[in-house]
C-alpha atoms as a PDB file:
ATOM      1  CA  MET A   1      34.326  28.109  10.438  1.00  0.00           C
ATOM      2  CA  PRO A   2      37.221  25.625  10.109  1.00  0.00           C
ATOM      3  CA  ALA A   3      35.127  22.839  11.439  1.00  0.00           C
ATOM      4  CA  ILE A   4      32.335  23.640   8.919  1.00  0.00           C
ATOM      5  CA  TYR A   5      34.918  23.858   6.118  1.00  0.00           C
ATOM      6  CA  ASN A   6      36.283  20.372   7.026  1.00  0.00           C
ATOM      7  CA  TRP A   7      32.796  18.898   6.937  1.00  0.00           C
ATOM      8  CA  ALA A   8      32.012  20.437   3.576  1.00  0.00           C
ATOM      9  CA  TRP A   9      35.373  19.362   2.139  1.00  0.00           C
ATOM     10  CA  LYS A  10      34.546  15.726   3.150  1.00  0.00           C
ATOM     11  CA  LEU A  11      31.057  15.778   1.893  1.00  0.00           C
ATOM     12  CA  SER A  12      31.033  18.045  -1.367  1.00  0.00           C
ATOM     13  CA  ARG A  13      33.087  18.831  -4.339  1.00  0.00           C
ATOM     14  CA  ALA A  14      31.949  22.463  -3.932  1.00  0.00           C
ATOM     15  CA  ALA A  15      33.720  23.046  -0.495  1.00  0.00           C
ATOM     16  CA  ASP A  16      34.949  26.585  -1.338  1.00  0.00           C
ATOM     17  CA  THR A  17      31.410  27.611  -2.466  1.00  0.00           C
ATOM     18  CA  VAL A  18      29.919  26.200   0.727  1.00  0.00           C
ATOM     19  CA  ALA A  19      32.454  27.831   3.031  1.00  0.00           C
ATOM     20  CA  ALA A  20      31.859  31.291   1.342  1.00  0.00           C
ATOM     21  CA  SER A  21      28.122  30.896   1.594  1.00  0.00           C
ATOM     22  CA  TYR A  22      28.516  30.651   5.461  1.00  0.00           C
ATOM     23  CA  LEU A  23      30.319  33.945   5.642  1.00  0.00           C
ATOM     24  CA  TYR A  24      27.707  35.459   3.350  1.00  0.00           C
ATOM     25  CA  ALA A  25      24.782  34.115   5.445  1.00  0.00           C
ATOM     26  CA  GLY A  26      26.011  35.819   8.559  1.00  0.00           C
ATOM     27  CA  SER A  27      24.747  39.208   7.326  1.00  0.00           C
ATOM     28  CA  SER A  28      21.944  38.126   5.247  1.00  0.00           C
ATOM     29  CA  ASP A  29      18.339  39.186   5.712  1.00  0.00           C
ATOM     30  CA  PHE A  30      17.026  36.146   3.863  1.00  0.00           C
ATOM     31  CA  ALA A  31      19.166  33.203   5.057  1.00  0.00           C
ATOM     32  CA  ARG A  32      20.139  31.813   8.426  1.00  0.00           C
ATOM     33  CA  SER A  33      22.629  29.227   9.664  1.00  0.00           C
ATOM     34  CA  PHE A  34      21.992  26.959  12.693  1.00  0.00           C
ATOM     35  CA  MET A  35      24.482  24.824  14.408  1.00  0.00           C
ATOM     36  CA  VAL A  36      22.968  21.882  16.326  1.00  0.00           C
ATOM     37  CA  LEU A  37      25.022  21.169  19.483  1.00  0.00           C
ATOM     38  CA  LEU A  38      24.866  18.135  21.804  1.00  0.00           C
ATOM     39  CA  ASN A  39      25.281  19.019  25.547  1.00  0.00           C
ATOM     40  CA  ASN A  40      26.040  22.542  24.317  1.00  0.00           C
ATOM     41  CA  ARG A  41      29.496  21.330  23.197  1.00  0.00           C
ATOM     42  CA  LEU A  42      29.583  18.710  20.383  1.00  0.00           C
ATOM     43  CA  ALA A  43      28.508  20.000  16.992  1.00  0.00           C
ATOM     44  CA  LEU A  44      25.960  17.428  15.386  1.00  0.00           C
ATOM     45  CA  CYS A  45      25.257  19.270  12.251  1.00  0.00           C
ATOM     46  CA  GLN A  46      24.825  22.696  10.481  1.00  0.00           C
ATOM     47  CA  ILE A  47      21.501  23.461   8.930  1.00  0.00           C
ATOM     48  CA  ASP A  48      21.001  26.536   6.807  1.00  0.00           C
ATOM     49  CA  ILE A  49      17.581  27.890   5.644  1.00  0.00           C
ATOM     50  CA  CYS A  50      17.108  30.403   2.795  1.00  0.00           C
ATOM     51  CA  SER A  51      14.208  31.963   1.113  1.00  0.00           C
ATOM     52  CA  ALA A  52      13.838  29.913  -2.107  1.00  0.00           C
ATOM     53  CA  ASP A  53      13.541  33.040  -4.365  1.00  0.00           C
ATOM     54  CA  LYS A  54      17.017  34.031  -3.334  1.00  0.00           C
ATOM     55  CA  ASP A  55      18.668  30.566  -3.886  1.00  0.00           C
ATOM     56  CA  GLU A  56      20.273  29.386  -7.019  1.00  0.00           C
ATOM     57  CA  LEU A  57      17.711  26.603  -7.167  1.00  0.00           C
ATOM     58  CA  TYR A  58      15.206  29.263  -8.098  1.00  0.00           C
ATOM     59  CA  ASP A  59      16.636  29.186 -11.727  1.00  0.00           C
ATOM     60  CA  THR A  60      15.839  25.437 -12.231  1.00  0.00           C
ATOM     61  CA  TYR A  61      12.817  24.763 -10.200  1.00  0.00           C
ATOM     62  CA  PRO A  62       9.560  26.718  -9.878  1.00  0.00           C
ATOM     63  CA  THR A  63       9.152  28.078  -6.287  1.00  0.00           C
ATOM     64  CA  SER A  64       6.501  30.264  -4.757  1.00  0.00           C
ATOM     65  CA  ASN A  65       5.984  32.503  -1.790  1.00  0.00           C
ATOM     66  CA  GLY A  66       6.598  30.486   1.390  1.00  0.00           C
ATOM     67  CA  ASP A  67       9.168  28.121  -0.133  1.00  0.00           C
ATOM     68  CA  TYR A  68      12.423  27.838   1.676  1.00  0.00           C
ATOM     69  CA  ILE A  69      15.573  25.829   0.882  1.00  0.00           C
ATOM     70  CA  ILE A  70      17.629  24.062   3.481  1.00  0.00           C
ATOM     71  CA  ARG A  71      21.225  22.733   3.176  1.00  0.00           C
ATOM     72  CA  LEU A  72      22.725  20.198   5.701  1.00  0.00           C
ATOM     73  CA  LEU A  73      26.172  19.258   6.694  1.00  0.00           C
ATOM     74  CA  MET A  74      26.330  16.333   9.105  1.00  0.00           C
ATOM     75  CA  ASN A  75      29.253  15.980  11.433  1.00  0.00           C
ATOM     76  CA  THR A  76      29.615  12.145  11.054  1.00  0.00           C
ATOM     77  CA  ASN A  77      32.099   9.653   9.726  1.00  0.00           C
ATOM     78  CA  ARG A  78      29.329   7.032   9.219  1.00  0.00           C
ATOM     79  CA  SER A  79      27.522   6.270   6.039  1.00  0.00           C
ATOM     80  CA  THR A  80      24.234   5.500   7.835  1.00  0.00           C
ATOM     81  CA  VAL A  81      21.734   7.790   9.467  1.00  0.00           C
ATOM     82  CA  ARG A  82      22.067   7.928  13.205  1.00  0.00           C
ATOM     83  CA  PRO A  83      18.896   8.519  15.263  1.00  0.00           C
ATOM     84  CA  LEU A  84      20.454  11.642  16.964  1.00  0.00           C
ATOM     85  CA  HIS A  85      21.013  13.230  13.716  1.00  0.00           C
ATOM     86  CA  LEU A  86      17.563  12.516  12.513  1.00  0.00           C
ATOM     87  CA  ARG A  87      16.049  13.939  15.654  1.00  0.00           C
ATOM     88  CA  ALA A  88      18.185  16.978  15.302  1.00  0.00           C
ATOM     89  CA  LEU A  89      16.909  17.628  11.754  1.00  0.00           C
ATOM     90  CA  GLN A  90      13.229  16.945  12.809  1.00  0.00           C
ATOM     91  CA  THR A  91      13.622  19.431  15.687  1.00  0.00           C
ATOM     92  CA  CYS A  92      14.908  22.133  13.294  1.00  0.00           C
ATOM     93  CA  LEU A  93      12.072  21.438  10.924  1.00  0.00           C
ATOM     94  CA  GLU A  94       9.559  21.787  13.720  1.00  0.00           C
ATOM     95  CA  TYR A  95      11.198  25.085  14.630  1.00  0.00           C
ATOM     96  CA  PHE A  96      11.113  26.342  11.023  1.00  0.00           C
ATOM     97  CA  PHE A  97       7.365  25.488  10.686  1.00  0.00           C
ATOM     98  CA  LEU A  98       6.623  27.623  13.712  1.00  0.00           C
ATOM     99  CA  PHE A  99       7.144  30.598  11.354  1.00  0.00           C
ATOM    100  CA  PRO A 100       3.846  31.090   9.482  1.00  0.00           C
ATOM    101  CA  GLU A 101       5.580  32.386   6.320  1.00  0.00           C
ATOM    102  CA  ILE A 102       7.264  28.948   5.902  1.00  0.00           C
ATOM    103  CA  LYS A 103       4.882  26.768   3.884  1.00  0.00           C
ATOM    104  CA  GLN A 104       7.284  24.214   2.481  1.00  0.00           C
ATOM    105  CA  ILE A 105      10.975  23.390   2.807  1.00  0.00           C
ATOM    106  CA  ILE A 106      12.984  22.096  -0.203  1.00  0.00           C
ATOM    107  CA  ALA A 107      16.308  20.191  -0.011  1.00  0.00           C
ATOM    108  CA  GLU A 108      18.512  19.304  -2.827  1.00  0.00           C
ATOM    109  CA  PRO A 109      20.970  16.614  -1.911  1.00  0.00           C
ATOM    110  CA  GLU A 110      23.348  15.050  -4.484  1.00  0.00           C
ATOM    111  CA  ALA A 111      21.566  12.040  -5.917  1.00  0.00           C
ATOM    112  CA  GLU A 112      24.645   9.773  -5.060  1.00  0.00           C
ATOM    113  CA  ASN A 113      24.771  10.939  -1.419  1.00  0.00           C
ATOM    114  CA  LYS A 114      22.669   8.092   0.005  1.00  0.00           C
ATOM    115  CA  MET A 115      22.898   9.177   3.655  1.00  0.00           C
ATOM    116  CA  TYR A 116      21.631  12.680   3.071  1.00  0.00           C
ATOM    117  CA  ASN A 117      18.757  11.380   0.893  1.00  0.00           C
ATOM    118  CA  GLU A 118      17.923   8.891   3.512  1.00  0.00           C
ATOM    119  CA  ILE A 119      17.810  11.281   6.489  1.00  0.00           C
ATOM    120  CA  LEU A 120      15.671  13.675   4.569  1.00  0.00           C
ATOM    121  CA  LEU A 121      13.242  10.928   3.522  1.00  0.00           C
ATOM    122  CA  GLN A 122      13.059   9.627   7.217  1.00  0.00           C
ATOM    123  CA  ALA A 123      12.497  13.218   8.480  1.00  0.00           C
ATOM    124  CA  GLY A 124       9.379  13.576   6.342  1.00  0.00           C
ATOM    125  CA  PHE A 125      10.507  14.839   2.917  1.00  0.00           C
ATOM    126  CA  GLN A 126       9.044  13.514  -0.379  1.00  0.00           C
ATOM    127  CA  GLN A 127      11.110  13.199  -3.485  1.00  0.00           C
ATOM    128  CA  GLU A 128       9.657  15.370  -6.261  1.00  0.00           C
ATOM    129  CA  GLU A 129      12.251  15.096  -9.176  1.00  0.00           C
ATOM    130  CA  GLN A 130      15.934  15.262 -10.132  1.00  0.00           C
ATOM    131  CA  VAL A 131      17.610  18.486 -11.145  1.00  0.00           C
ATOM    132  CA  PHE A 132      21.085  19.217 -12.523  1.00  0.00           C
ATOM    133  CA  SER A 133      23.117  21.625 -10.420  1.00  0.00           C
ATOM    134  CA  HIS A 134      26.407  23.176 -11.288  1.00  0.00           C
ATOM    135  CA  TYR A 135      28.171  20.258  -9.554  1.00  0.00           C
ATOM    136  CA  ALA A 136      26.020  17.081  -9.858  1.00  0.00           C
ATOM    137  CA  VAL A 137      22.658  15.444 -10.322  1.00  0.00           C
ATOM    138  CA  CYS A 138      20.572  16.239  -7.311  1.00  0.00           C
ATOM    139  CA  ASN A 139      17.334  14.883  -5.972  1.00  0.00           C
ATOM    140  CA  LEU A 140      14.709  17.524  -5.167  1.00  0.00           C
ATOM    141  CA  LEU A 141      12.950  16.700  -1.904  1.00  0.00           C
ATOM    142  CA  VAL A 142      10.026  18.575  -0.356  1.00  0.00           C
ATOM    143  CA  CYS A 143       8.462  18.797   3.036  1.00  0.00           C
ATOM    144  CA  THR A 144       5.349  20.786   3.450  1.00  0.00           C
ATOM    145  CA  ARG A 145       3.843  22.195   6.534  1.00  0.00           C
ATOM    146  CA  GLN A 146       0.683  19.889   6.047  1.00  0.00           C
ATOM    147  CA  SER A 147       2.862  16.785   5.624  1.00  0.00           C
ATOM    148  CA  PHE A 148       5.057  17.442   8.519  1.00  0.00           C
ATOM    149  CA  ILE A 149       2.532  18.822  10.991  1.00  0.00           C
ATOM    150  CA  PRO A 150      -0.788  16.940  10.387  1.00  0.00           C
ATOM    151  CA  SER A 151      -3.837  18.745  11.398  1.00  0.00           C
END
């Protein structure tokens, strides 16, 4: 938990909210947290997935059954996307889409966070629109099962 809190503090103005959400997700039946490790030791990133109808985004963006929200925290001090982080995200997306109930995955990075927007776009997300969250202007990016896993 301290490592996650440190990442959140560096990357977001809402660090306390982010840290509290990890404590809440541990006992949730609609949200899960995943820590991606390199060699089972070094934490690369934290990826959370949540049913969209249980997320605060539900109030500002129309979602439907099968929509899920992801939130990312990358363990990096660089401002560019590293191939290892991109592959970690893509692997998680592959895993999430193994579940038939997940039809599309939505991400909501802050518009000014160039690295997060870039990694999501490189992973296969498409920008839909901008929304105003409690903290900042955010880009709304969507990755559908059909666009990520072509038939």
